Amino acid sequence: AQRLSGCDLLSDGSVRGSYRNGYDWRDFISFDLESGRFVAADSAAEITRRRWEQEGTMAEGWT
């Protein structure tokens, strides 16, 4: 598994954060900070997205 997190300073001075999980160098799941939701890259990741959003604990640290 690979994890990538970071932030970008935008031209208007605001900051945008990012978080992505991957598997075998392919995207698996990411977190959209603006909507506060996880985004699944495929049907396998959709299972994880549903579980994490139902539990509510994974996103609490990101919002």
Protein backbone atom coordinates (compact mmCIF):
# COMPACT_ATOMS: atom_id res chain seq x y z
CA ALA A 1 0.00 0.00 0.00
CA GLN A 2 1.14 3.52 -0.70
CA ARG A 3 -0.05 6.71 1.01
CA LEU A 4 0.37 10.21 -0.30
CA SER A 5 -0.63 13.30 1.61
CA GLY A 6 0.24 16.89 1.04
CA CYS A 7 -0.93 20.43 0.64
CA ASP A 8 -0.84 23.07 -2.06
CA LEU A 9 -0.68 26.83 -1.67
CA LEU A 10 -3.08 28.22 -4.28
CA SER A 11 -2.65 31.51 -6.13
CA ASP A 12 -5.40 33.13 -4.04
CA GLY A 13 -3.47 32.35 -0.84
CA SER A 14 -5.71 29.49 0.28
CA VAL A 15 -4.39 26.03 1.05
CA ARG A 16 -5.72 22.76 -0.35
CA GLY A 17 -4.86 19.46 1.31
CA SER A 18 -4.81 16.05 -0.30
CA TYR A 19 -4.78 12.44 0.86
CA ARG A 20 -4.63 9.32 -1.32
CA ASN A 21 -4.17 5.62 -0.71
CA GLY A 22 -2.91 3.33 -3.44
CA TYR A 23 -2.24 -0.33 -3.99
CA ASP A 24 0.26 -1.73 -6.51
CA TRP A 25 0.87 1.84 -7.73
CA ARG A 26 -2.81 2.36 -8.61
CA ASP A 27 -5.19 4.76 -6.90
CA PHE A 28 -7.48 3.11 -4.35
CA ILE A 29 -9.21 5.78 -2.27
CA SER A 30 -8.78 9.51 -1.72
CA PHE A 31 -10.35 12.13 0.52
CA ASP A 32 -12.03 15.24 -0.88
CA LEU A 33 -11.54 17.92 1.76
CA GLU A 34 -14.11 20.28 0.25
CA SER A 35 -16.95 17.75 0.40
CA GLY A 36 -15.62 15.88 3.45
CA ARG A 37 -16.07 12.57 1.64
CA PHE A 38 -13.91 9.70 0.53
CA VAL A 39 -13.70 9.01 -3.21
CA ALA A 40 -13.33 5.39 -4.31
CA ALA A 41 -11.24 4.69 -7.42
CA ASP A 42 -12.96 1.37 -8.19
CA SER A 43 -15.57 -1.09 -6.93
CA ALA A 44 -13.17 -2.69 -4.43
CA ALA A 45 -12.42 0.71 -2.90
CA GLU A 46 -16.15 1.43 -2.76
CA ILE A 47 -16.49 -1.22 -0.03
CA THR A 48 -13.84 0.55 2.05
CA ARG A 49 -15.38 3.97 1.38
CA ARG A 50 -18.79 2.83 2.60
CA ARG A 51 -17.32 1.27 5.75
CA TRP A 52 -15.18 4.31 6.61
CA GLU A 53 -18.04 6.76 6.06
CA GLN A 54 -20.46 4.59 8.03
CA GLU A 55 -18.05 4.30 10.96
CA GLY A 56 -17.41 8.04 10.78
CA THR A 57 -14.06 7.77 12.54
CA MET A 58 -11.72 7.90 9.52
CA ALA A 59 -12.88 11.29 8.24
CA GLU A 60 -12.97 13.01 11.64
CA GLY A 61 -9.24 13.67 11.57
CA TRP A 62 -9.37 15.08 8.04
CA THR A 63 -12.12 17.68 8.43
